[in-house]
Amino acid sequence: CETVKVALCASREGHPVLVVAEETFQFVQDEAYDAAQFLATCA
């Protein structure tokens, strides 16, 4: 669970990578995340 910055990039051979757009958003904890963590630790 963290805040991430996402950059959408475009590239073409022979040209520099172009950043088309950037945005930040937050990953949140949900039941699936909790369940996977629990199962991984209880192997």
PDB file of all heavy atoms in Angstrom:
ATOM      1  N   CYS A   1       0.859  -1.180   0.000  1.00  0.00           N
ATOM      2  CA  CYS A   1       0.000   0.000   0.000  1.00  0.00           C
ATOM      3  C   CYS A   1       0.892   1.227   0.000  1.00  0.00           C
ATOM      4  O   CYS A   1       1.648   1.451   0.940  1.00  0.00           O
ATOM      5  CB  CYS A   1      -0.881  -0.014   1.238  1.00  0.00           C
ATOM      6  SG  CYS A   1      -1.813  -1.534   1.347  1.00  0.00           S
ATOM      7  N   GLU A   2       0.817   2.011  -1.029  1.00  0.00           N
ATOM      8  CA  GLU A   2       1.704   3.161  -1.169  1.00  0.00           C
ATOM      9  C   GLU A   2       1.154   4.117  -2.216  1.00  0.00           C
ATOM     10  O   GLU A   2       0.272   3.767  -2.994  1.00  0.00           O
ATOM     11  CB  GLU A   2       3.102   2.697  -1.582  1.00  0.00           C
ATOM     12  CG  GLU A   2       3.119   1.959  -2.915  1.00  0.00           C
ATOM     13  CD  GLU A   2       4.479   1.376  -3.266  1.00  0.00           C
ATOM     14  OE1 GLU A   2       5.429   1.582  -2.516  1.00  0.00           O
ATOM     15  OE2 GLU A   2       4.569   0.699  -4.302  1.00  0.00           O
ATOM     16  N   THR A   3       1.707   5.322  -2.233  1.00  0.00           N
ATOM     17  CA  THR A   3       1.400   6.281  -3.285  1.00  0.00           C
ATOM     18  C   THR A   3       2.437   6.097  -4.383  1.00  0.00           C
ATOM     19  O   THR A   3       3.627   6.013  -4.101  1.00  0.00           O
ATOM     20  CB  THR A   3       1.459   7.718  -2.755  1.00  0.00           C
ATOM     21  OG1 THR A   3       0.512   7.831  -1.686  1.00  0.00           O
ATOM     22  CG2 THR A   3       1.113   8.722  -3.842  1.00  0.00           C
ATOM     23  N   VAL A   4       1.986   5.992  -5.613  1.00  0.00           N
ATOM     24  CA  VAL A   4       2.918   5.798  -6.732  1.00  0.00           C
ATOM     25  C   VAL A   4       2.732   6.886  -7.774  1.00  0.00           C
ATOM     26  O   VAL A   4       1.650   7.469  -7.889  1.00  0.00           O
ATOM     27  CB  VAL A   4       2.732   4.414  -7.401  1.00  0.00           C
ATOM     28  CG1 VAL A   4       3.016   3.292  -6.436  1.00  0.00           C
ATOM     29  CG2 VAL A   4       1.345   4.265  -7.993  1.00  0.00           C
ATOM     30  N   LYS A   5       3.798   7.167  -8.482  1.00  0.00           N
ATOM     31  CA  LYS A   5       3.721   8.093  -9.614  1.00  0.00           C
ATOM     32  C   LYS A   5       3.793   7.250 -10.880  1.00  0.00           C
ATOM     33  O   LYS A   5       4.697   6.438 -11.033  1.00  0.00           O
ATOM     34  CB  LYS A   5       4.878   9.093  -9.588  1.00  0.00           C
ATOM     35  CG  LYS A   5       4.800  10.078 -10.757  1.00  0.00           C
ATOM     36  CD  LYS A   5       5.751  11.237 -10.588  1.00  0.00           C
ATOM     37  CE  LYS A   5       7.149  10.847 -11.010  1.00  0.00           C
ATOM     38  NZ  LYS A   5       8.057  12.006 -11.076  1.00  0.00           N
ATOM     39  N   VAL A   6       2.832   7.426 -11.759  1.00  0.00           N
ATOM     40  CA  VAL A   6       2.782   6.666 -13.005  1.00  0.00           C
ATOM     41  C   VAL A   6       3.042   7.621 -14.164  1.00  0.00           C
ATOM     42  O   VAL A   6       2.435   8.686 -14.247  1.00  0.00           O
ATOM     43  CB  VAL A   6       1.413   5.978 -13.183  1.00  0.00           C
ATOM     44  CG1 VAL A   6       1.346   5.248 -14.517  1.00  0.00           C
ATOM     45  CG2 VAL A   6       1.157   5.007 -12.049  1.00  0.00           C
ATOM     46  N   ALA A   7       3.979   7.229 -15.013  1.00  0.00           N
ATOM     47  CA  ALA A   7       4.283   8.034 -16.197  1.00  0.00           C
ATOM     48  C   ALA A   7       3.951   7.217 -17.436  1.00  0.00           C
ATOM     49  O   ALA A   7       4.370   6.066 -17.568  1.00  0.00           O
ATOM     50  CB  ALA A   7       5.760   8.414 -16.204  1.00  0.00           C
ATOM     51  N   LEU A   8       3.161   7.774 -18.324  1.00  0.00           N
ATOM     52  CA  LEU A   8       2.845   7.144 -19.597  1.00  0.00           C
ATOM     53  C   LEU A   8       3.854   7.641 -20.619  1.00  0.00           C
ATOM     54  O   LEU A   8       3.984   8.842 -20.848  1.00  0.00           O
ATOM     55  CB  LEU A   8       1.422   7.501 -20.037  1.00  0.00           C
ATOM     56  CG  LEU A   8       0.994   6.991 -21.407  1.00  0.00           C
ATOM     57  CD1 LEU A   8       0.981   5.467 -21.451  1.00  0.00           C
ATOM     58  CD2 LEU A   8      -0.381   7.548 -21.772  1.00  0.00           C
ATOM     59  N   CYS A   9       4.600   6.710 -21.189  1.00  0.00           N
ATOM     60  CA  CYS A   9       5.673   7.081 -22.115  1.00  0.00           C
ATOM     61  C   CYS A   9       5.391   6.536 -23.513  1.00  0.00           C
ATOM     62  O   CYS A   9       4.736   5.512 -23.668  1.00  0.00           O
ATOM     63  CB  CYS A   9       7.010   6.517 -21.628  1.00  0.00           C
ATOM     64  SG  CYS A   9       7.450   7.058 -19.983  1.00  0.00           S
ATOM     65  N   ALA A  10       5.927   7.242 -24.499  1.00  0.00           N
ATOM     66  CA  ALA A  10       5.840   6.791 -25.886  1.00  0.00           C
ATOM     67  C   ALA A  10       7.257   6.758 -26.447  1.00  0.00           C
ATOM     68  O   ALA A  10       8.074   7.621 -26.133  1.00  0.00           O
ATOM     69  CB  ALA A  10       4.970   7.729 -26.707  1.00  0.00           C
ATOM     70  N   SER A  11       7.540   5.748 -27.243  1.00  0.00           N
ATOM     71  CA  SER A  11       8.881   5.687 -27.834  1.00  0.00           C
ATOM     72  C   SER A  11       8.793   5.227 -29.285  1.00  0.00           C
ATOM     73  O   SER A  11       7.902   4.453 -29.647  1.00  0.00           O
ATOM     74  CB  SER A  11       9.779   4.733 -27.039  1.00  0.00           C
ATOM     75  OG  SER A  11       9.334   3.408 -27.170  1.00  0.00           O
ATOM     76  N   ARG A  12       9.714   5.746 -30.081  1.00  0.00           N
ATOM     77  CA  ARG A  12       9.825   5.350 -31.476  1.00  0.00           C
ATOM     78  C   ARG A  12      11.300   5.218 -31.779  1.00  0.00           C
ATOM     79  O   ARG A  12      12.126   5.987 -31.251  1.00  0.00           O
ATOM     80  CB  ARG A  12       9.214   6.431 -32.374  1.00  0.00           C
ATOM     81  CG  ARG A  12       8.047   5.913 -33.173  1.00  0.00           C
ATOM     82  CD  ARG A  12       7.367   6.907 -34.040  1.00  0.00           C
ATOM     83  NE  ARG A  12       8.149   8.094 -34.391  1.00  0.00           N
ATOM     84  CZ  ARG A  12       7.638   9.186 -34.877  1.00  0.00           C
ATOM     85  NH1 ARG A  12       6.357   9.275 -35.052  1.00  0.00           N
ATOM     86  NH2 ARG A  12       8.389  10.214 -35.203  1.00  0.00           N
ATOM     87  N   GLU A  13      11.625   4.275 -32.599  1.00  0.00           N
ATOM     88  CA  GLU A  13      13.035   4.049 -32.932  1.00  0.00           C
ATOM     89  C   GLU A  13      13.655   5.321 -33.507  1.00  0.00           C
ATOM     90  O   GLU A  13      13.069   5.986 -34.360  1.00  0.00           O
ATOM     91  CB  GLU A  13      13.139   2.904 -33.958  1.00  0.00           C
ATOM     92  CG  GLU A  13      14.529   2.304 -34.012  1.00  0.00           C
ATOM     93  CD  GLU A  13      14.580   1.062 -34.887  1.00  0.00           C
ATOM     94  OE1 GLU A  13      13.575   0.321 -34.935  1.00  0.00           O
ATOM     95  OE2 GLU A  13      15.621   0.847 -35.511  1.00  0.00           O
ATOM     96  N   GLY A  14      14.821   5.669 -32.956  1.00  0.00           N
ATOM     97  CA  GLY A  14      15.530   6.852 -33.431  1.00  0.00           C
ATOM     98  C   GLY A  14      15.087   8.158 -32.787  1.00  0.00           C
ATOM     99  O   GLY A  14      15.600   9.217 -33.116  1.00  0.00           O
ATOM    100  N   HIS A  15      14.110   8.102 -31.866  1.00  0.00           N
ATOM    101  CA  HIS A  15      13.612   9.295 -31.184  1.00  0.00           C
ATOM    102  C   HIS A  15      13.741   9.100 -29.675  1.00  0.00           C
ATOM    103  O   HIS A  15      13.675   7.980 -29.186  1.00  0.00           O
ATOM    104  CB  HIS A  15      12.139   9.547 -31.535  1.00  0.00           C
ATOM    105  CG  HIS A  15      11.930   9.935 -32.962  1.00  0.00           C
ATOM    106  ND1 HIS A  15      11.888   9.004 -33.980  1.00  0.00           N
ATOM    107  CD2 HIS A  15      11.760  11.154 -33.541  1.00  0.00           C
ATOM    108  CE1 HIS A  15      11.697   9.629 -35.137  1.00  0.00           C
ATOM    109  NE2 HIS A  15      11.618  10.938 -34.896  1.00  0.00           N
ATOM    110  N   PRO A  16      13.866  10.193 -28.922  1.00  0.00           N
ATOM    111  CA  PRO A  16      13.928  10.055 -27.450  1.00  0.00           C
ATOM    112  C   PRO A  16      12.571   9.633 -26.895  1.00  0.00           C
ATOM    113  O   PRO A  16      11.532   9.848 -27.523  1.00  0.00           O
ATOM    114  CB  PRO A  16      14.305  11.463 -26.979  1.00  0.00           C
ATOM    115  CG  PRO A  16      13.899  12.374 -28.090  1.00  0.00           C
ATOM    116  CD  PRO A  16      14.015  11.577 -29.370  1.00  0.00           C
ATOM    117  N   VAL A  17      12.610   9.019 -25.698  1.00  0.00           N
ATOM    118  CA  VAL A  17      11.369   8.621 -25.034  1.00  0.00           C
ATOM    119  C   VAL A  17      10.624   9.879 -24.609  1.00  0.00           C
ATOM    120  O   VAL A  17      11.204  10.795 -24.024  1.00  0.00           O
ATOM    121  CB  VAL A  17      11.665   7.727 -23.806  1.00  0.00           C
ATOM    122  CG1 VAL A  17      10.388   7.442 -23.030  1.00  0.00           C
ATOM    123  CG2 VAL A  17      12.324   6.431 -24.248  1.00  0.00           C
ATOM    124  N   LEU A  18       9.336   9.919 -24.929  1.00  0.00           N
ATOM    125  CA  LEU A  18       8.511  11.084 -24.628  1.00  0.00           C
ATOM    126  C   LEU A  18       7.548  10.731 -23.490  1.00  0.00           C
ATOM    127  O   LEU A  18       6.839   9.732 -23.561  1.00  0.00           O
ATOM    128  CB  LEU A  18       7.712  11.474 -25.884  1.00  0.00           C
ATOM    129  CG  LEU A  18       6.691  12.593 -25.741  1.00  0.00           C
ATOM    130  CD1 LEU A  18       7.399  13.926 -25.490  1.00  0.00           C
ATOM    131  CD2 LEU A  18       5.829  12.681 -26.985  1.00  0.00           C
ATOM    132  N   VAL A  19       7.542  11.547 -22.421  1.00  0.00           N
ATOM    133  CA  VAL A  19       6.573  11.363 -21.338  1.00  0.00           C
ATOM    134  C   VAL A  19       5.283  12.066 -21.750  1.00  0.00           C
ATOM    135  O   VAL A  19       5.237  13.282 -21.879  1.00  0.00           O
ATOM    136  CB  VAL A  19       7.103  11.927 -20.001  1.00  0.00           C
ATOM    137  CG1 VAL A  19       6.034  11.791 -18.912  1.00  0.00           C
ATOM    138  CG2 VAL A  19       8.371  11.207 -19.583  1.00  0.00           C
ATOM    139  N   VAL A  20       4.230  11.283 -21.975  1.00  0.00           N
ATOM    140  CA  VAL A  20       2.953  11.808 -22.452  1.00  0.00           C
ATOM    141  C   VAL A  20       2.125  12.388 -21.309  1.00  0.00           C
ATOM    142  O   VAL A  20       1.500  13.433 -21.440  1.00  0.00           O
ATOM    143  CB  VAL A  20       2.163  10.699 -23.189  1.00  0.00           C
ATOM    144  CG1 VAL A  20       0.807  11.212 -23.658  1.00  0.00           C
ATOM    145  CG2 VAL A  20       2.968  10.142 -24.343  1.00  0.00           C
ATOM    146  N   ALA A  21       2.129  11.682 -20.168  1.00  0.00           N
ATOM    147  CA  ALA A  21       1.339  12.138 -19.018  1.00  0.00           C
ATOM    148  C   ALA A  21       1.903  11.525 -17.742  1.00  0.00           C
ATOM    149  O   ALA A  21       2.548  10.480 -17.783  1.00  0.00           O
ATOM    150  CB  ALA A  21      -0.121  11.730 -19.197  1.00  0.00           C
ATOM    151  N   GLU A  22       1.654  12.191 -16.619  1.00  0.00           N
ATOM    152  CA  GLU A  22       2.065  11.685 -15.306  1.00  0.00           C
ATOM    153  C   GLU A  22       0.924  11.887 -14.324  1.00  0.00           C
ATOM    154  O   GLU A  22       0.176  12.852 -14.420  1.00  0.00           O
ATOM    155  CB  GLU A  22       3.293  12.447 -14.781  1.00  0.00           C
ATOM    156  CG  GLU A  22       4.594  12.039 -15.402  1.00  0.00           C
ATOM    157  CD  GLU A  22       5.778  12.762 -14.740  1.00  0.00           C
ATOM    158  OE1 GLU A  22       5.554  13.770 -14.037  1.00  0.00           O
ATOM    159  OE2 GLU A  22       6.898  12.308 -14.946  1.00  0.00           O
ATOM    160  N   GLU A  23       0.812  10.953 -13.378  1.00  0.00           N
ATOM    161  CA  GLU A  23      -0.219  11.085 -12.341  1.00  0.00           C
ATOM    162  C   GLU A  23       0.215  10.270 -11.135  1.00  0.00           C
ATOM    163  O   GLU A  23       0.947   9.291 -11.267  1.00  0.00           O
ATOM    164  CB  GLU A  23      -1.569  10.570 -12.876  1.00  0.00           C
ATOM    165  CG  GLU A  23      -2.749  10.798 -11.955  1.00  0.00           C
ATOM    166  CD  GLU A  23      -2.994  12.267 -11.657  1.00  0.00           C
ATOM    167  OE1 GLU A  23      -3.542  12.987 -12.505  1.00  0.00           O
ATOM    168  OE2 GLU A  23      -2.614  12.690 -10.544  1.00  0.00           O
ATOM    169  N   THR A  24      -0.230  10.662  -9.953  1.00  0.00           N
ATOM    170  CA  THR A  24       0.018   9.856  -8.756  1.00  0.00           C
ATOM    171  C   THR A  24      -1.304   9.282  -8.278  1.00  0.00           C
ATOM    172  O   THR A  24      -2.366   9.888  -8.474  1.00  0.00           O
ATOM    173  CB  THR A  24       0.636  10.695  -7.616  1.00  0.00           C
ATOM    174  OG1 THR A  24      -0.248  11.752  -7.303  1.00  0.00           O
ATOM    175  CG2 THR A  24       1.999  11.234  -8.002  1.00  0.00           C
ATOM    176  N   PHE A  25      -1.252   8.103  -7.683  1.00  0.00           N
ATOM    177  CA  PHE A  25      -2.443   7.543  -7.051  1.00  0.00           C
ATOM    178  C   PHE A  25      -2.042   6.605  -5.935  1.00  0.00           C
ATOM    179  O   PHE A  25      -0.880   6.229  -5.804  1.00  0.00           O
ATOM    180  CB  PHE A  25      -3.378   6.868  -8.069  1.00  0.00           C
ATOM    181  CG  PHE A  25      -2.814   5.663  -8.756  1.00  0.00           C
ATOM    182  CD1 PHE A  25      -3.081   4.394  -8.279  1.00  0.00           C
ATOM    183  CD2 PHE A  25      -2.039   5.797  -9.903  1.00  0.00           C
ATOM    184  CE1 PHE A  25      -2.577   3.275  -8.918  1.00  0.00           C
ATOM    185  CE2 PHE A  25      -1.535   4.682 -10.544  1.00  0.00           C
ATOM    186  CZ  PHE A  25      -1.802   3.420 -10.056  1.00  0.00           C
ATOM    187  N   GLN A  26      -3.026   6.240  -5.116  1.00  0.00           N
ATOM    188  CA  GLN A  26      -2.780   5.489  -3.890  1.00  0.00           C
ATOM    189  C   GLN A  26      -3.268   4.056  -4.026  1.00  0.00           C
ATOM    190  O   GLN A  26      -4.419   3.822  -4.371  1.00  0.00           O
ATOM    191  CB  GLN A  26      -3.535   6.183  -2.748  1.00  0.00           C
ATOM    192  CG  GLN A  26      -3.423   5.517  -1.399  1.00  0.00           C
ATOM    193  CD  GLN A  26      -2.088   5.783  -0.742  1.00  0.00           C
ATOM    194  OE1 GLN A  26      -1.521   6.842  -0.907  1.00  0.00           O
ATOM    195  NE2 GLN A  26      -1.570   4.813  -0.019  1.00  0.00           N
ATOM    196  N   PHE A  27      -2.369   3.091  -3.765  1.00  0.00           N
ATOM    197  CA  PHE A  27      -2.791   1.699  -3.647  1.00  0.00           C
ATOM    198  C   PHE A  27      -3.311   1.494  -2.233  1.00  0.00           C
ATOM    199  O   PHE A  27      -2.669   1.916  -1.268  1.00  0.00           O
ATOM    200  CB  PHE A  27      -1.615   0.740  -3.898  1.00  0.00           C
ATOM    201  CG  PHE A  27      -1.368   0.473  -5.350  1.00  0.00           C
ATOM    202  CD1 PHE A  27      -0.335   1.111  -6.022  1.00  0.00           C
ATOM    203  CD2 PHE A  27      -2.151  -0.431  -6.051  1.00  0.00           C
ATOM    204  CE1 PHE A  27      -0.105   0.873  -7.364  1.00  0.00           C
ATOM    205  CE2 PHE A  27      -1.933  -0.678  -7.390  1.00  0.00           C
ATOM    206  CZ  PHE A  27      -0.902  -0.030  -8.051  1.00  0.00           C
ATOM    207  N   VAL A  28      -4.443   0.857  -2.090  1.00  0.00           N
ATOM    208  CA  VAL A  28      -5.026   0.636  -0.768  1.00  0.00           C
ATOM    209  C   VAL A  28      -5.042  -0.853  -0.446  1.00  0.00           C
ATOM    210  O   VAL A  28      -5.005  -1.698  -1.330  1.00  0.00           O
ATOM    211  CB  VAL A  28      -6.467   1.195  -0.678  1.00  0.00           C
ATOM    212  CG1 VAL A  28      -6.470   2.698  -0.857  1.00  0.00           C
ATOM    213  CG2 VAL A  28      -7.388   0.531  -1.701  1.00  0.00           C
ATOM    214  N   GLN A  29      -5.104  -1.148   0.831  1.00  0.00           N
ATOM    215  CA  GLN A  29      -5.151  -2.534   1.283  1.00  0.00           C
ATOM    216  C   GLN A  29      -6.583  -3.042   1.161  1.00  0.00           C
ATOM    217  O   GLN A  29      -7.520  -2.358   1.560  1.00  0.00           O
ATOM    218  CB  GLN A  29      -4.685  -2.589   2.738  1.00  0.00           C
ATOM    219  CG  GLN A  29      -4.457  -3.986   3.246  1.00  0.00           C
ATOM    220  CD  GLN A  29      -3.616  -3.975   4.517  1.00  0.00           C
ATOM    221  OE1 GLN A  29      -2.887  -3.025   4.762  1.00  0.00           O
ATOM    222  NE2 GLN A  29      -3.724  -5.020   5.285  1.00  0.00           N
ATOM    223  N   ASP A  30      -6.753  -4.239   0.605  1.00  0.00           N
ATOM    224  CA  ASP A  30      -8.087  -4.825   0.511  1.00  0.00           C
ATOM    225  C   ASP A  30      -8.054  -6.258   1.030  1.00  0.00           C
ATOM    226  O   ASP A  30      -7.014  -6.763   1.448  1.00  0.00           O
ATOM    227  CB  ASP A  30      -8.636  -4.742  -0.916  1.00  0.00           C
ATOM    228  CG  ASP A  30      -7.812  -5.546  -1.917  1.00  0.00           C
ATOM    229  OD1 ASP A  30      -6.847  -6.233  -1.520  1.00  0.00           O
ATOM    230  OD2 ASP A  30      -8.142  -5.491  -3.119  1.00  0.00           O
ATOM    231  N   GLU A  31      -9.192  -6.927   0.983  1.00  0.00           N
ATOM    232  CA  GLU A  31      -9.305  -8.270   1.543  1.00  0.00           C
ATOM    233  C   GLU A  31      -8.436  -9.273   0.789  1.00  0.00           C
ATOM    234  O   GLU A  31      -7.874 -10.185   1.383  1.00  0.00           O
ATOM    235  CB  GLU A  31     -10.767  -8.748   1.527  1.00  0.00           C
ATOM    236  CG  GLU A  31     -11.688  -7.997   2.469  1.00  0.00           C
ATOM    237  CD  GLU A  31     -12.220  -6.694   1.882  1.00  0.00           C
ATOM    238  OE1 GLU A  31     -11.870  -6.353   0.723  1.00  0.00           O
ATOM    239  OE2 GLU A  31     -12.974  -6.002   2.588  1.00  0.00           O
ATOM    240  N   ALA A  32      -8.327  -9.115  -0.535  1.00  0.00           N
ATOM    241  CA  ALA A  32      -7.520 -10.043  -1.324  1.00  0.00           C
ATOM    242  C   ALA A  32      -6.040  -9.934  -0.932  1.00  0.00           C
ATOM    243  O   ALA A  32      -5.344 -10.941  -0.792  1.00  0.00           O
ATOM    244  CB  ALA A  32      -7.687  -9.756  -2.818  1.00  0.00           C
ATOM    245  N   TYR A  33      -5.580  -8.705  -0.719  1.00  0.00           N
ATOM    246  CA  TYR A  33      -4.201  -8.470  -0.287  1.00  0.00           C
ATOM    247  C   TYR A  33      -3.966  -9.127   1.078  1.00  0.00           C
ATOM    248  O   TYR A  33      -2.975  -9.829   1.289  1.00  0.00           O
ATOM    249  CB  TYR A  33      -3.957  -6.965  -0.227  1.00  0.00           C
ATOM    250  CG  TYR A  33      -2.601  -6.546   0.297  1.00  0.00           C
ATOM    251  CD1 TYR A  33      -1.504  -6.488  -0.556  1.00  0.00           C
ATOM    252  CD2 TYR A  33      -2.427  -6.207   1.630  1.00  0.00           C
ATOM    253  CE1 TYR A  33      -0.256  -6.091  -0.079  1.00  0.00           C
ATOM    254  CE2 TYR A  33      -1.192  -5.812   2.110  1.00  0.00           C
ATOM    255  CZ  TYR A  33      -0.104  -5.757   1.253  1.00  0.00           C
ATOM    256  OH  TYR A  33       1.110  -5.369   1.730  1.00  0.00           O
ATOM    257  N   ASP A  34      -4.911  -8.904   2.012  1.00  0.00           N
ATOM    258  CA  ASP A  34      -4.800  -9.499   3.349  1.00  0.00           C
ATOM    259  C   ASP A  34      -4.781 -11.023   3.276  1.00  0.00           C
ATOM    260  O   ASP A  34      -3.994 -11.673   3.960  1.00  0.00           O
ATOM    261  CB  ASP A  34      -5.972  -9.062   4.232  1.00  0.00           C
ATOM    262  CG  ASP A  34      -5.879  -7.594   4.645  1.00  0.00           C
ATOM    263  OD1 ASP A  34      -4.766  -7.025   4.587  1.00  0.00           O
ATOM    264  OD2 ASP A  34      -6.923  -7.024   5.019  1.00  0.00           O
ATOM    265  N   ALA A  35      -5.678 -11.579   2.461  1.00  0.00           N
ATOM    266  CA  ALA A  35      -5.762 -13.038   2.344  1.00  0.00           C
ATOM    267  C   ALA A  35      -4.475 -13.628   1.778  1.00  0.00           C
ATOM    268  O   ALA A  35      -3.970 -14.640   2.271  1.00  0.00           O
ATOM    269  CB  ALA A  35      -6.954 -13.420   1.470  1.00  0.00           C
ATOM    270  N   ALA A  36      -3.925 -13.005   0.732  1.00  0.00           N
ATOM    271  CA  ALA A  36      -2.686 -13.503   0.125  1.00  0.00           C
ATOM    272  C   ALA A  36      -1.531 -13.423   1.119  1.00  0.00           C
ATOM    273  O   ALA A  36      -0.740 -14.366   1.241  1.00  0.00           O
ATOM    274  CB  ALA A  36      -2.360 -12.714  -1.143  1.00  0.00           C
ATOM    275  N   GLN A  37      -1.439 -12.313   1.846  1.00  0.00           N
ATOM    276  CA  GLN A  37      -0.395 -12.160   2.868  1.00  0.00           C
ATOM    277  C   GLN A  37      -0.527 -13.251   3.934  1.00  0.00           C
ATOM    278  O   GLN A  37       0.448 -13.859   4.351  1.00  0.00           O
ATOM    279  CB  GLN A  37      -0.485 -10.777   3.539  1.00  0.00           C
ATOM    280  CG  GLN A  37      -0.059  -9.642   2.665  1.00  0.00           C
ATOM    281  CD  GLN A  37       1.455  -9.445   2.662  1.00  0.00           C
ATOM    282  OE1 GLN A  37       2.225 -10.304   3.044  1.00  0.00           O
ATOM    283  NE2 GLN A  37       1.881  -8.290   2.226  1.00  0.00           N
ATOM    284  N   PHE A  38      -1.767 -13.468   4.393  1.00  0.00           N
ATOM    285  CA  PHE A  38      -2.017 -14.470   5.426  1.00  0.00           C
ATOM    286  C   PHE A  38      -1.624 -15.864   4.942  1.00  0.00           C
ATOM    287  O   PHE A  38      -0.920 -16.601   5.627  1.00  0.00           O
ATOM    288  CB  PHE A  38      -3.493 -14.451   5.837  1.00  0.00           C
ATOM    289  CG  PHE A  38      -3.882 -15.589   6.740  1.00  0.00           C
ATOM    290  CD1 PHE A  38      -3.473 -15.603   8.067  1.00  0.00           C
ATOM    291  CD2 PHE A  38      -4.654 -16.637   6.264  1.00  0.00           C
ATOM    292  CE1 PHE A  38      -3.826 -16.655   8.901  1.00  0.00           C
ATOM    293  CE2 PHE A  38      -5.005 -17.695   7.091  1.00  0.00           C
ATOM    294  CZ  PHE A  38      -4.594 -17.702   8.415  1.00  0.00           C
ATOM    295  N   LEU A  39      -2.069 -16.223   3.740  1.00  0.00           N
ATOM    296  CA  LEU A  39      -1.770 -17.553   3.214  1.00  0.00           C
ATOM    297  C   LEU A  39      -0.273 -17.747   2.985  1.00  0.00           C
ATOM    298  O   LEU A  39       0.265 -18.816   3.258  1.00  0.00           O
ATOM    299  CB  LEU A  39      -2.544 -17.789   1.910  1.00  0.00           C
ATOM    300  CG  LEU A  39      -4.056 -17.939   2.075  1.00  0.00           C
ATOM    301  CD1 LEU A  39      -4.746 -17.937   0.721  1.00  0.00           C
ATOM    302  CD2 LEU A  39      -4.395 -19.206   2.851  1.00  0.00           C
ATOM    303  N   ALA A  40       0.399 -16.718   2.493  1.00  0.00           N
ATOM    304  CA  ALA A  40       1.842 -16.822   2.254  1.00  0.00           C
ATOM    305  C   ALA A  40       2.596 -17.056   3.558  1.00  0.00           C
ATOM    306  O   ALA A  40       3.539 -17.845   3.599  1.00  0.00           O
ATOM    307  CB  ALA A  40       2.364 -15.568   1.562  1.00  0.00           C
ATOM    308  N   THR A  41       2.165 -16.393   4.630  1.00  0.00           N
ATOM    309  CA  THR A  41       2.875 -16.543   5.899  1.00  0.00           C
ATOM    310  C   THR A  41       2.499 -17.822   6.635  1.00  0.00           C
ATOM    311  O   THR A  41       3.255 -18.274   7.491  1.00  0.00           O
ATOM    312  CB  THR A  41       2.621 -15.344   6.844  1.00  0.00           C
ATOM    313  OG1 THR A  41       1.220 -15.198   7.030  1.00  0.00           O
ATOM    314  CG2 THR A  41       3.189 -14.064   6.263  1.00  0.00           C
ATOM    315  N   CYS A  42       1.361 -18.436   6.294  1.00  0.00           N
ATOM    316  CA  CYS A  42       0.972 -19.648   7.029  1.00  0.00           C
ATOM    317  C   CYS A  42       1.311 -20.937   6.280  1.00  0.00           C
ATOM    318  O   CYS A  42       0.907 -22.007   6.701  1.00  0.00           O
ATOM    319  CB  CYS A  42      -0.496 -19.605   7.430  1.00  0.00           C
ATOM    320  SG  CYS A  42      -1.665 -19.990   6.134  1.00  0.00           S
ATOM    321  N   ALA A  43       2.084 -20.846   5.201  1.00  0.00           N
ATOM    322  CA  ALA A  43       2.523 -22.074   4.510  1.00  0.00           C
ATOM    323  C   ALA A  43       3.297 -22.928   5.515  1.00  0.00           C
ATOM    324  O   ALA A  43       4.254 -22.477   6.114  1.00  0.00           O
ATOM    325  CB  ALA A  43       3.415 -21.723   3.323  1.00  0.00           C
TER     326      ALA A  43
END
